[in-house]
C-alpha atoms as a PDB file:
ATOM      1  CA  UNK A   1     -20.376   6.162 -25.701  1.00  0.00           C
ATOM      2  CA  UNK A   2     -22.005   9.511 -24.937  1.00  0.00           C
ATOM      3  CA  UNK A   3     -20.799  11.855 -22.227  1.00  0.00           C
ATOM      4  CA  UNK A   4     -23.742  11.082 -19.942  1.00  0.00           C
ATOM      5  CA  UNK A   5     -23.062   7.336 -19.959  1.00  0.00           C
ATOM      6  CA  UNK A   6     -19.343   7.898 -19.395  1.00  0.00           C
ATOM      7  CA  UNK A   7     -20.105  10.063 -16.368  1.00  0.00           C
ATOM      8  CA  UNK A   8     -22.626   7.567 -15.021  1.00  0.00           C
ATOM      9  CA  UNK A   9     -20.151   4.700 -15.292  1.00  0.00           C
ATOM     10  CA  UNK A  10     -17.522   6.786 -13.515  1.00  0.00           C
ATOM     11  CA  UNK A  11     -19.974   7.445 -10.686  1.00  0.00           C
ATOM     12  CA  UNK A  12     -20.974   3.766 -10.636  1.00  0.00           C
ATOM     13  CA  UNK A  13     -17.365   2.663 -10.204  1.00  0.00           C
ATOM     14  CA  UNK A  14     -16.838   5.151  -7.376  1.00  0.00           C
ATOM     15  CA  UNK A  15     -19.925   3.815  -5.574  1.00  0.00           C
ATOM     16  CA  UNK A  16     -18.684   0.240  -5.987  1.00  0.00           C
ATOM     17  CA  UNK A  17     -15.255   1.171  -4.599  1.00  0.00           C
ATOM     18  CA  UNK A  18     -16.608   3.151  -1.635  1.00  0.00           C
ATOM     19  CA  UNK A  19     -19.665   1.018  -0.851  1.00  0.00           C
ATOM     20  CA  UNK A  20     -21.913   4.036  -0.359  1.00  0.00           C
ATOM     21  CA  UNK A  21     -23.407   7.064  -2.075  1.00  0.00           C
ATOM     22  CA  UNK A  22     -21.789   9.403   0.458  1.00  0.00           C
ATOM     23  CA  UNK A  23     -18.352   7.845  -0.022  1.00  0.00           C
ATOM     24  CA  UNK A  24     -18.585   8.135  -3.795  1.00  0.00           C
ATOM     25  CA  UNK A  25     -19.703  11.753  -3.457  1.00  0.00           C
ATOM     26  CA  UNK A  26     -16.624  12.552  -1.350  1.00  0.00           C
ATOM     27  CA  UNK A  27     -14.299  10.818  -3.808  1.00  0.00           C
ATOM     28  CA  UNK A  28     -15.766  12.620  -6.811  1.00  0.00           C
ATOM     29  CA  UNK A  29     -16.282  15.970  -5.038  1.00  0.00           C
ATOM     30  CA  UNK A  30     -19.998  15.876  -5.907  1.00  0.00           C
ATOM     31  CA  UNK A  31     -23.165  16.194  -3.891  1.00  0.00           C
ATOM     32  CA  UNK A  32     -24.874  12.985  -2.750  1.00  0.00           C
ATOM     33  CA  UNK A  33     -28.100  13.842  -4.636  1.00  0.00           C
ATOM     34  CA  UNK A  34     -26.135  14.124  -7.892  1.00  0.00           C
ATOM     35  CA  UNK A  35     -24.529  10.726  -7.302  1.00  0.00           C
ATOM     36  CA  UNK A  36     -27.886   9.113  -6.521  1.00  0.00           C
ATOM     37  CA  UNK A  37     -29.429  10.650  -9.636  1.00  0.00           C
ATOM     38  CA  UNK A  38     -26.568   9.383 -11.809  1.00  0.00           C
ATOM     39  CA  UNK A  39     -26.906   5.844 -10.420  1.00  0.00           C
ATOM     40  CA  UNK A  40     -30.657   5.849 -10.973  1.00  0.00           C
ATOM     41  CA  UNK A  41     -30.187   6.980 -14.572  1.00  0.00           C
ATOM     42  CA  UNK A  42     -27.615   4.247 -15.223  1.00  0.00           C
ATOM     43  CA  UNK A  43     -29.875   1.563 -13.731  1.00  0.00           C
ATOM     44  CA  UNK A  44     -32.705   2.775 -15.984  1.00  0.00           C
ATOM     45  CA  UNK A  45     -30.389   2.531 -18.991  1.00  0.00           C
ATOM     46  CA  UNK A  46     -29.227  -0.962 -18.016  1.00  0.00           C
ATOM     47  CA  UNK A  47     -32.746  -2.115 -17.166  1.00  0.00           C
ATOM     48  CA  UNK A  48     -31.591  -3.943 -14.010  1.00  0.00           C
ATOM     49  CA  UNK A  49     -30.654  -2.902 -10.456  1.00  0.00           C
ATOM     50  CA  UNK A  50     -26.903  -2.566  -9.925  1.00  0.00           C
ATOM     51  CA  UNK A  51     -26.949  -2.407  -6.110  1.00  0.00           C
ATOM     52  CA  UNK A  52     -29.042  -3.756  -3.257  1.00  0.00           C
ATOM     53  CA  UNK A  53     -29.851  -1.020  -0.771  1.00  0.00           C
ATOM     54  CA  UNK A  54     -29.333  -1.906   2.906  1.00  0.00           C
ATOM     55  CA  UNK A  55     -29.544   0.249   6.009  1.00  0.00           C
ATOM     56  CA  UNK A  56     -25.744   0.555   6.247  1.00  0.00           C
ATOM     57  CA  UNK A  57     -24.319   0.302   2.757  1.00  0.00           C
ATOM     58  CA  UNK A  58     -24.915  -0.719  -0.826  1.00  0.00           C
ATOM     59  CA  UNK A  59     -24.256  -4.297  -1.915  1.00  0.00           C
ATOM     60  CA  UNK A  60     -23.486  -4.822  -5.574  1.00  0.00           C
ATOM     61  CA  UNK A  61     -25.767  -7.144  -7.536  1.00  0.00           C
ATOM     62  CA  UNK A  62     -24.662  -9.864  -9.939  1.00  0.00           C
ATOM     63  CA  UNK A  63     -25.436  -7.555 -12.860  1.00  0.00           C
ATOM     64  CA  UNK A  64     -23.561  -4.739 -11.156  1.00  0.00           C
ATOM     65  CA  UNK A  65     -20.526  -6.957 -10.602  1.00  0.00           C
ATOM     66  CA  UNK A  66     -20.558  -7.945 -14.268  1.00  0.00           C
ATOM     67  CA  UNK A  67     -20.712  -4.311 -15.324  1.00  0.00           C
ATOM     68  CA  UNK A  68     -17.923  -3.417 -12.898  1.00  0.00           C
ATOM     69  CA  UNK A  69     -15.654  -6.185 -14.186  1.00  0.00           C
ATOM     70  CA  UNK A  70     -16.223  -5.346 -17.846  1.00  0.00           C
ATOM     71  CA  UNK A  71     -16.163  -1.564 -17.663  1.00  0.00           C
ATOM     72  CA  UNK A  72     -13.213  -0.910 -15.334  1.00  0.00           C
ATOM     73  CA  UNK A  73     -10.332  -1.453 -17.746  1.00  0.00           C
ATOM     74  CA  UNK A  74     -12.153   0.277 -20.595  1.00  0.00           C
ATOM     75  CA  UNK A  75     -12.881   3.418 -18.582  1.00  0.00           C
ATOM     76  CA  UNK A  76      -9.342   3.507 -17.238  1.00  0.00           C
ATOM     77  CA  UNK A  77      -7.918   3.217 -20.752  1.00  0.00           C
ATOM     78  CA  UNK A  78     -10.247   5.970 -21.976  1.00  0.00           C
ATOM     79  CA  UNK A  79      -9.226   8.288 -19.134  1.00  0.00           C
ATOM     80  CA  UNK A  80      -5.546   7.705 -19.845  1.00  0.00           C
ATOM     81  CA  UNK A  81      -6.075   8.271 -23.577  1.00  0.00           C
ATOM     82  CA  UNK A  82      -7.761  11.626 -22.940  1.00  0.00           C
ATOM     83  CA  UNK A  83      -5.101  12.634 -20.412  1.00  0.00           C
ATOM     84  CA  UNK A  84      -2.241  11.712 -22.721  1.00  0.00           C
ATOM     85  CA  UNK A  85      -3.581  14.087 -25.377  1.00  0.00           C
ATOM     86  CA  UNK A  86      -4.300  16.829 -22.837  1.00  0.00           C
ATOM     87  CA  UNK A  87      -0.784  16.453 -21.451  1.00  0.00           C
ATOM     88  CA  UNK A  88       0.950  17.316 -24.721  1.00  0.00           C
ATOM     89  CA  UNK A  89       3.040  20.412 -24.167  1.00  0.00           C
ATOM     90  CA  UNK A  90       1.655  20.946 -20.674  1.00  0.00           C
ATOM     91  CA  UNK A  91       3.311  20.913 -17.261  1.00  0.00           C
ATOM     92  CA  UNK A  92       2.437  17.688 -15.360  1.00  0.00           C
ATOM     93  CA  UNK A  93      -0.540  18.468 -13.145  1.00  0.00           C
ATOM     94  CA  UNK A  94      -3.452  16.844 -11.367  1.00  0.00           C
ATOM     95  CA  UNK A  95      -3.855  14.265  -8.608  1.00  0.00           C
ATOM     96  CA  UNK A  96      -2.016  10.938  -8.354  1.00  0.00           C
ATOM     97  CA  UNK A  97      -3.558   8.383  -5.978  1.00  0.00           C
ATOM     98  CA  UNK A  98      -1.142   5.797  -4.589  1.00  0.00           C
ATOM     99  CA  UNK A  99      -1.620   2.927  -2.143  1.00  0.00           C
ATOM    100  CA  UNK A 100       1.362   1.732  -0.087  1.00  0.00           C
ATOM    101  CA  UNK A 101       2.142  -0.361   2.954  1.00  0.00           C
ATOM    102  CA  UNK A 102       3.332   1.668   5.924  1.00  0.00           C
ATOM    103  CA  UNK A 103       6.915   0.400   5.663  1.00  0.00           C
ATOM    104  CA  UNK A 104       7.005   1.525   2.018  1.00  0.00           C
ATOM    105  CA  UNK A 105       5.764   4.969   2.939  1.00  0.00           C
ATOM    106  CA  UNK A 106       8.386   5.371   5.682  1.00  0.00           C
ATOM    107  CA  UNK A 107      11.328   4.106   3.641  1.00  0.00           C
ATOM    108  CA  UNK A 108      10.423   5.146   0.082  1.00  0.00           C
ATOM    109  CA  UNK A 109       7.865   7.947  -0.100  1.00  0.00           C
ATOM    110  CA  UNK A 110       8.355   9.951   3.084  1.00  0.00           C
ATOM    111  CA  UNK A 111      12.000  10.915   2.448  1.00  0.00           C
ATOM    112  CA  UNK A 112      11.149  12.111  -1.082  1.00  0.00           C
ATOM    113  CA  UNK A 113       7.914  14.054  -0.570  1.00  0.00           C
ATOM    114  CA  UNK A 114       9.518  17.483  -0.200  1.00  0.00           C
ATOM    115  CA  UNK A 115      11.770  17.031  -3.215  1.00  0.00           C
ATOM    116  CA  UNK A 116       8.909  15.782  -5.385  1.00  0.00           C
ATOM    117  CA  UNK A 117       6.677  18.665  -4.299  1.00  0.00           C
ATOM    118  CA  UNK A 118       9.320  21.200  -5.285  1.00  0.00           C
ATOM    119  CA  UNK A 119      10.025  19.467  -8.608  1.00  0.00           C
ATOM    120  CA  UNK A 120       6.360  19.101  -9.594  1.00  0.00           C
ATOM    121  CA  UNK A 121       4.376  21.830  -7.822  1.00  0.00           C
ATOM    122  CA  UNK A 122       1.283  21.223  -9.978  1.00  0.00           C
ATOM    123  CA  UNK A 123       0.933  17.550  -9.006  1.00  0.00           C
ATOM    124  CA  UNK A 124      -1.120  16.670  -5.920  1.00  0.00           C
ATOM    125  CA  UNK A 125      -0.598  13.343  -4.129  1.00  0.00           C
ATOM    126  CA  UNK A 126      -3.220  11.267  -2.353  1.00  0.00           C
ATOM    127  CA  UNK A 127      -1.437   8.579  -0.324  1.00  0.00           C
ATOM    128  CA  UNK A 128      -3.331   5.699   1.289  1.00  0.00           C
ATOM    129  CA  UNK A 129      -1.483   3.573   3.873  1.00  0.00           C
ATOM    130  CA  UNK A 130      -2.736  -0.013   3.905  1.00  0.00           C
ATOM    131  CA  UNK A 131      -0.825  -3.217   4.605  1.00  0.00           C
ATOM    132  CA  UNK A 132      -3.311  -5.505   2.873  1.00  0.00           C
ATOM    133  CA  UNK A 133      -3.658  -6.366  -0.809  1.00  0.00           C
ATOM    134  CA  UNK A 134      -5.402  -3.697  -2.880  1.00  0.00           C
ATOM    135  CA  UNK A 135      -6.970  -3.956  -6.350  1.00  0.00           C
ATOM    136  CA  UNK A 136      -5.826  -0.564  -7.575  1.00  0.00           C
ATOM    137  CA  UNK A 137      -8.226  -0.484 -10.530  1.00  0.00           C
ATOM    138  CA  UNK A 138     -11.253  -1.360  -8.427  1.00  0.00           C
ATOM    139  CA  UNK A 139     -10.264   1.087  -5.682  1.00  0.00           C
ATOM    140  CA  UNK A 140      -9.418   3.892  -8.087  1.00  0.00           C
ATOM    141  CA  UNK A 141      -5.678   4.156  -7.416  1.00  0.00           C
ATOM    142  CA  UNK A 142      -3.129   5.083 -10.046  1.00  0.00           C
ATOM    143  CA  UNK A 143      -0.310   2.967  -8.614  1.00  0.00           C
ATOM    144  CA  UNK A 144       0.841   0.946  -5.618  1.00  0.00           C
ATOM    145  CA  UNK A 145       4.013  -0.316  -3.916  1.00  0.00           C
ATOM    146  CA  UNK A 146       4.366  -3.858  -2.606  1.00  0.00           C
ATOM    147  CA  UNK A 147       6.603  -6.925  -2.377  1.00  0.00           C
ATOM    148  CA  UNK A 148       7.028  -9.121  -5.437  1.00  0.00           C
ATOM    149  CA  UNK A 149       6.262  -8.764  -9.141  1.00  0.00           C
ATOM    150  CA  UNK A 150       3.391 -11.230  -9.453  1.00  0.00           C
ATOM    151  CA  UNK A 151       0.744  -8.980 -10.938  1.00  0.00           C
ATOM    152  CA  UNK A 152      -2.706  -9.047 -12.429  1.00  0.00           C
ATOM    153  CA  UNK A 153      -3.089  -8.944 -16.203  1.00  0.00           C
ATOM    154  CA  UNK A 154      -2.506  -5.495 -17.653  1.00  0.00           C
ATOM    155  CA  UNK A 155      -0.213  -4.338 -14.825  1.00  0.00           C
ATOM    156  CA  UNK A 156       3.412  -3.232 -15.074  1.00  0.00           C
ATOM    157  CA  UNK A 157       6.024  -3.486 -12.308  1.00  0.00           C
ATOM    158  CA  UNK A 158       9.169  -1.399 -11.781  1.00  0.00           C
ATOM    159  CA  UNK A 159      11.657  -2.566  -9.159  1.00  0.00           C
ATOM    160  CA  UNK A 160      12.375  -0.023  -6.428  1.00  0.00           C
ATOM    161  CA  UNK A 161      14.373  -2.070  -3.894  1.00  0.00           C
ATOM    162  CA  UNK A 162      16.405  -5.232  -3.918  1.00  0.00           C
ATOM    163  CA  UNK A 163      15.624  -7.998  -1.384  1.00  0.00           C
ATOM    164  CA  UNK A 164      16.272  -7.094   2.249  1.00  0.00           C
ATOM    165  CA  UNK A 165      16.004  -8.834   5.593  1.00  0.00           C
ATOM    166  CA  UNK A 166      13.583  -8.662   8.480  1.00  0.00           C
ATOM    167  CA  UNK A 167      15.673  -8.237  11.602  1.00  0.00           C
ATOM    168  CA  UNK A 168      15.025  -9.116  15.236  1.00  0.00           C
ATOM    169  CA  UNK A 169      15.921  -6.494  17.847  1.00  0.00           C
ATOM    170  CA  UNK A 170      15.825  -5.947  21.601  1.00  0.00           C
ATOM    171  CA  UNK A 171      16.877  -3.174  23.965  1.00  0.00           C
ATOM    172  CA  UNK A 172      19.724  -3.356  26.451  1.00  0.00           C
ATOM    173  CA  UNK A 173      17.131  -3.143  29.228  1.00  0.00           C
ATOM    174  CA  UNK A 174      15.454  -6.278  27.913  1.00  0.00           C
ATOM    175  CA  UNK A 175      18.786  -8.113  27.751  1.00  0.00           C
ATOM    176  CA  UNK A 176      19.601  -7.069  31.322  1.00  0.00           C
ATOM    177  CA  UNK A 177      16.301  -8.523  32.531  1.00  0.00           C
ATOM    178  CA  UNK A 178      15.889 -11.593  30.309  1.00  0.00           C
ATOM    179  CA  UNK A 179      19.214 -12.315  28.641  1.00  0.00           C
ATOM    180  CA  UNK A 180      20.088 -12.516  24.935  1.00  0.00           C
ATOM    181  CA  UNK A 181      18.762 -15.479  22.890  1.00  0.00           C
ATOM    182  CA  UNK A 182      21.653 -17.494  21.474  1.00  0.00           C
ATOM    183  CA  UNK A 183      19.699 -20.000  19.376  1.00  0.00           C
ATOM    184  CA  UNK A 184      16.223 -20.060  17.769  1.00  0.00           C
ATOM    185  CA  UNK A 185      15.182 -22.648  20.358  1.00  0.00           C
ATOM    186  CA  UNK A 186      15.802 -20.043  23.072  1.00  0.00           C
ATOM    187  CA  UNK A 187      13.050 -17.788  21.692  1.00  0.00           C
ATOM    188  CA  UNK A 188      10.246 -19.859  23.192  1.00  0.00           C
ATOM    189  CA  UNK A 189      11.368 -18.533  26.592  1.00  0.00           C
ATOM    190  CA  UNK A 190      11.174 -14.904  25.418  1.00  0.00           C
ATOM    191  CA  UNK A 191       8.372 -12.483  24.542  1.00  0.00           C
ATOM    192  CA  UNK A 192       7.585 -11.398  20.977  1.00  0.00           C
ATOM    193  CA  UNK A 193       6.156  -8.037  20.033  1.00  0.00           C
ATOM    194  CA  UNK A 194       3.438  -9.364  17.736  1.00  0.00           C
ATOM    195  CA  UNK A 195       2.172  -7.853  14.500  1.00  0.00           C
ATOM    196  CA  UNK A 196      -1.514  -8.304  13.655  1.00  0.00           C
ATOM    197  CA  UNK A 197      -2.874  -8.216  10.114  1.00  0.00           C
ATOM    198  CA  UNK A 198      -6.083  -6.215  10.443  1.00  0.00           C
ATOM    199  CA  UNK A 199      -7.548  -7.519   7.178  1.00  0.00           C
ATOM    200  CA  UNK A 200      -7.096 -11.194   8.082  1.00  0.00           C
ATOM    201  CA  UNK A 201      -7.376 -10.622  11.846  1.00  0.00           C
ATOM    202  CA  UNK A 202      -4.395 -12.862  12.529  1.00  0.00           C
ATOM    203  CA  UNK A 203      -0.992 -12.394  14.124  1.00  0.00           C
ATOM    204  CA  UNK A 204       1.954 -12.687  11.747  1.00  0.00           C
ATOM    205  CA  UNK A 205       4.007 -15.754  12.717  1.00  0.00           C
ATOM    206  CA  UNK A 206       7.708 -15.339  13.385  1.00  0.00           C
ATOM    207  CA  UNK A 207       9.619 -16.983  10.543  1.00  0.00           C
ATOM    208  CA  UNK A 208      13.408 -17.335  10.484  1.00  0.00           C
ATOM    209  CA  UNK A 209      15.697 -19.040   7.978  1.00  0.00           C
ATOM    210  CA  UNK A 210      18.182 -21.831   8.663  1.00  0.00           C
ATOM    211  CA  UNK A 211      20.208 -23.464   5.891  1.00  0.00           C
ATOM    212  CA  UNK A 212      17.820 -22.085   3.283  1.00  0.00           C
ATOM    213  CA  UNK A 213      14.739 -23.490   5.012  1.00  0.00           C
ATOM    214  CA  UNK A 214      11.994 -21.508   6.749  1.00  0.00           C
ATOM    215  CA  UNK A 215      11.786 -21.986  10.492  1.00  0.00           C
ATOM    216  CA  UNK A 216       8.522 -20.972  12.191  1.00  0.00           C
ATOM    217  CA  UNK A 217       8.948 -20.026  15.841  1.00  0.00           C
ATOM    218  CA  UNK A 218       6.107 -20.091  18.372  1.00  0.00           C
ATOM    219  CA  UNK A 219       6.529 -17.262  20.866  1.00  0.00           C
ATOM    220  CA  UNK A 220       4.165 -15.704  23.419  1.00  0.00           C
ATOM    221  CA  UNK A 221       3.358 -12.019  22.884  1.00  0.00           C
ATOM    222  CA  UNK A 222       3.186  -9.428  25.610  1.00  0.00           C
ATOM    223  CA  UNK A 223       2.412  -6.649  23.142  1.00  0.00           C
ATOM    224  CA  UNK A 224       0.505  -6.918  19.834  1.00  0.00           C
ATOM    225  CA  UNK A 225       0.069  -4.090  17.335  1.00  0.00           C
ATOM    226  CA  UNK A 226      -0.480  -3.317  13.661  1.00  0.00           C
ATOM    227  CA  UNK A 227       1.878  -0.328  13.564  1.00  0.00           C
ATOM    228  CA  UNK A 228       5.637  -0.104  12.975  1.00  0.00           C
ATOM    229  CA  UNK A 229       6.121   2.834  15.333  1.00  0.00           C
ATOM    230  CA  UNK A 230       4.459   0.939  18.184  1.00  0.00           C
ATOM    231  CA  UNK A 231       6.807  -1.987  17.523  1.00  0.00           C
ATOM    232  CA  UNK A 232       9.771   0.398  17.749  1.00  0.00           C
ATOM    233  CA  UNK A 233       8.468   1.815  21.023  1.00  0.00           C
ATOM    234  CA  UNK A 234       7.929  -1.684  22.385  1.00  0.00           C
ATOM    235  CA  UNK A 235      11.530  -2.628  21.595  1.00  0.00           C
ATOM    236  CA  UNK A 236      12.864   0.574  23.157  1.00  0.00           C
ATOM    237  CA  UNK A 237      10.897   0.053  26.333  1.00  0.00           C
ATOM    238  CA  UNK A 238      11.779  -3.602  26.786  1.00  0.00           C
ATOM    239  CA  UNK A 239       8.469  -5.291  25.974  1.00  0.00           C
ATOM    240  CA  UNK A 240      10.193  -8.050  24.043  1.00  0.00           C
ATOM    241  CA  UNK A 241      11.820  -9.096  20.783  1.00  0.00           C
ATOM    242  CA  UNK A 242      10.568  -7.030  17.863  1.00  0.00           C
ATOM    243  CA  UNK A 243      10.741  -7.406  14.080  1.00  0.00           C
ATOM    244  CA  UNK A 244      11.818  -4.540  11.843  1.00  0.00           C
ATOM    245  CA  UNK A 245      12.775  -4.468   8.185  1.00  0.00           C
ATOM    246  CA  UNK A 246      16.425  -3.454   7.841  1.00  0.00           C
ATOM    247  CA  UNK A 247      15.600  -0.227   5.927  1.00  0.00           C
ATOM    248  CA  UNK A 248      13.248   0.791   8.764  1.00  0.00           C
ATOM    249  CA  UNK A 249      15.919   0.102  11.364  1.00  0.00           C
ATOM    250  CA  UNK A 250      18.511   2.012   9.328  1.00  0.00           C
ATOM    251  CA  UNK A 251      16.257   5.090   9.270  1.00  0.00           C
ATOM    252  CA  UNK A 252      15.846   5.286  13.074  1.00  0.00           C
ATOM    253  CA  UNK A 253      17.803   8.103  14.779  1.00  0.00           C
ATOM    254  CA  UNK A 254      18.472   5.817  17.769  1.00  0.00           C
ATOM    255  CA  UNK A 255      19.179   2.672  15.743  1.00  0.00           C
ATOM    256  CA  UNK A 256      22.340   1.892  17.713  1.00  0.00           C
ATOM    257  CA  UNK A 257      20.150   1.259  20.782  1.00  0.00           C
ATOM    258  CA  UNK A 258      18.404  -1.604  18.933  1.00  0.00           C
ATOM    259  CA  UNK A 259      20.477  -4.731  19.559  1.00  0.00           C
ATOM    260  CA  UNK A 260      20.324  -7.395  16.812  1.00  0.00           C
ATOM    261  CA  UNK A 261      19.146 -10.863  17.837  1.00  0.00           C
ATOM    262  CA  UNK A 262      20.104 -14.078  15.997  1.00  0.00           C
ATOM    263  CA  UNK A 263      21.180 -12.206  12.852  1.00  0.00           C
ATOM    264  CA  UNK A 264      22.370 -15.332  10.951  1.00  0.00           C
ATOM    265  CA  UNK A 265      18.762 -16.559  10.977  1.00  0.00           C
ATOM    266  CA  UNK A 266      17.045 -13.426   9.684  1.00  0.00           C
ATOM    267  CA  UNK A 267      14.467 -13.918   6.954  1.00  0.00           C
ATOM    268  CA  UNK A 268      14.962 -12.294   3.519  1.00  0.00           C
ATOM    269  CA  UNK A 269      11.995 -10.613   1.815  1.00  0.00           C
ATOM    270  CA  UNK A 270      11.582 -10.294  -1.982  1.00  0.00           C
ATOM    271  CA  UNK A 271      12.236  -7.053  -3.889  1.00  0.00           C
ATOM    272  CA  UNK A 272       9.817  -4.138  -3.608  1.00  0.00           C
ATOM    273  CA  UNK A 273       8.035  -3.037  -6.777  1.00  0.00           C
ATOM    274  CA  UNK A 274       6.059  -0.054  -7.958  1.00  0.00           C
ATOM    275  CA  UNK A 275       3.100  -1.349  -9.965  1.00  0.00           C
ATOM    276  CA  UNK A 276       0.545   0.420 -12.142  1.00  0.00           C
ATOM    277  CA  UNK A 277      -1.849  -0.190 -15.077  1.00  0.00           C
ATOM    278  CA  UNK A 278      -0.103  -0.577 -18.421  1.00  0.00           C
ATOM    279  CA  UNK A 279      -1.760   2.457 -20.017  1.00  0.00           C
ATOM    280  CA  UNK A 280      -1.248   4.794 -17.064  1.00  0.00           C
ATOM    281  CA  UNK A 281       2.234   5.867 -18.200  1.00  0.00           C
ATOM    282  CA  UNK A 282       0.549   7.873 -20.943  1.00  0.00           C
ATOM    283  CA  UNK A 283      -0.690  10.326 -18.315  1.00  0.00           C
ATOM    284  CA  UNK A 284       2.092  12.840 -17.720  1.00  0.00           C
ATOM    285  CA  UNK A 285       1.303  13.304 -14.003  1.00  0.00           C
ATOM    286  CA  UNK A 286       1.582   9.538 -13.396  1.00  0.00           C
ATOM    287  CA  UNK A 287       4.670   9.088 -15.548  1.00  0.00           C
ATOM    288  CA  UNK A 288       6.350  11.938 -13.660  1.00  0.00           C
ATOM    289  CA  UNK A 289       5.939  10.167 -10.310  1.00  0.00           C
ATOM    290  CA  UNK A 290       6.960   6.772 -11.717  1.00  0.00           C
ATOM    291  CA  UNK A 291      10.171   8.171 -13.200  1.00  0.00           C
ATOM    292  CA  UNK A 292      10.919  10.244 -10.099  1.00  0.00           C
ATOM    293  CA  UNK A 293      10.684   7.251  -7.766  1.00  0.00           C
ATOM    294  CA  UNK A 294      12.694   4.924  -9.999  1.00  0.00           C
ATOM    295  CA  UNK A 295      15.447   7.530 -10.456  1.00  0.00           C
ATOM    296  CA  UNK A 296      15.710   8.660  -6.823  1.00  0.00           C
ATOM    297  CA  UNK A 297      15.560   5.446  -4.816  1.00  0.00           C
ATOM    298  CA  UNK A 298      18.824   3.495  -4.500  1.00  0.00           C
ATOM    299  CA  UNK A 299      17.793  -0.187  -4.724  1.00  0.00           C
ATOM    300  CA  UNK A 300      20.599  -1.385  -2.455  1.00  0.00           C
ATOM    301  CA  UNK A 301      20.736   1.510  -0.006  1.00  0.00           C
ATOM    302  CA  UNK A 302      18.895   2.129   3.244  1.00  0.00           C
ATOM    303  CA  UNK A 303      16.955   4.974   1.692  1.00  0.00           C
ATOM    304  CA  UNK A 304      17.320   8.325   0.032  1.00  0.00           C
ATOM    305  CA  UNK A 305      18.274  11.392   1.944  1.00  0.00           C
ATOM    306  CA  UNK A 306      15.581  13.839   2.950  1.00  0.00           C
ATOM    307  CA  UNK A 307      15.417  16.585   0.336  1.00  0.00           C
END
């Protein structure tokens, strides 16, 4: 594969991930005309159109989707192979792109950013907060953090946290006005601070556990959000019963003001894993972050200290 074709495929994958010429240009730090020219040259080489042009964005064609599916892993492996040779004897450097849910950023990455920056001053981080499922190869990320170790083929998972619970909390003001629920059946008479999944456009149901069985509770919501900090504010200000992962609650400076509700029924979530393509460990910049996170996060604790 010549250099021109390699570059064109790299541009093609960026366009597919971003859905636009302008987005790919920003990702690759190129001008939009250069990206358009590269795509045109690749389409001439392939002999078929790879995207449909619309007024708002580009839609990938069937041929383009086939090329995307078959070229992604190969290009990623080639990049890692080149980087692994370049890394020999060098200080880890370059950009690492990571996608994480907001809770993972707050409890895992945020407390360690300063320490990592001082340890590896030549490594730049690009952190994307997103609570939905992300195909890290398709979106151009080097790694991600999420619940569970069920992964796509070619991925590797490293456990960062053991299972933990999702707690229910209220403020003293709320208790003074509405009382404290004593049984799951009482919750139907209380207000829930709802969490909405933006990607699926649905509100996350409240699920508790009783005798090893899941118990779904139907509660009205006075406040709905897609942000952890808004949930915390809603609990503080008495909007209702709010859900927080125990590590999030443990990190709050005013955590003692959050009163636990029905703790014996709290739901347990699976372990949290760092996941990444199998070949990515060959790149020194990526391996440095993987090892740093695994070594500095106590799986059973509430979180590392701020360094």
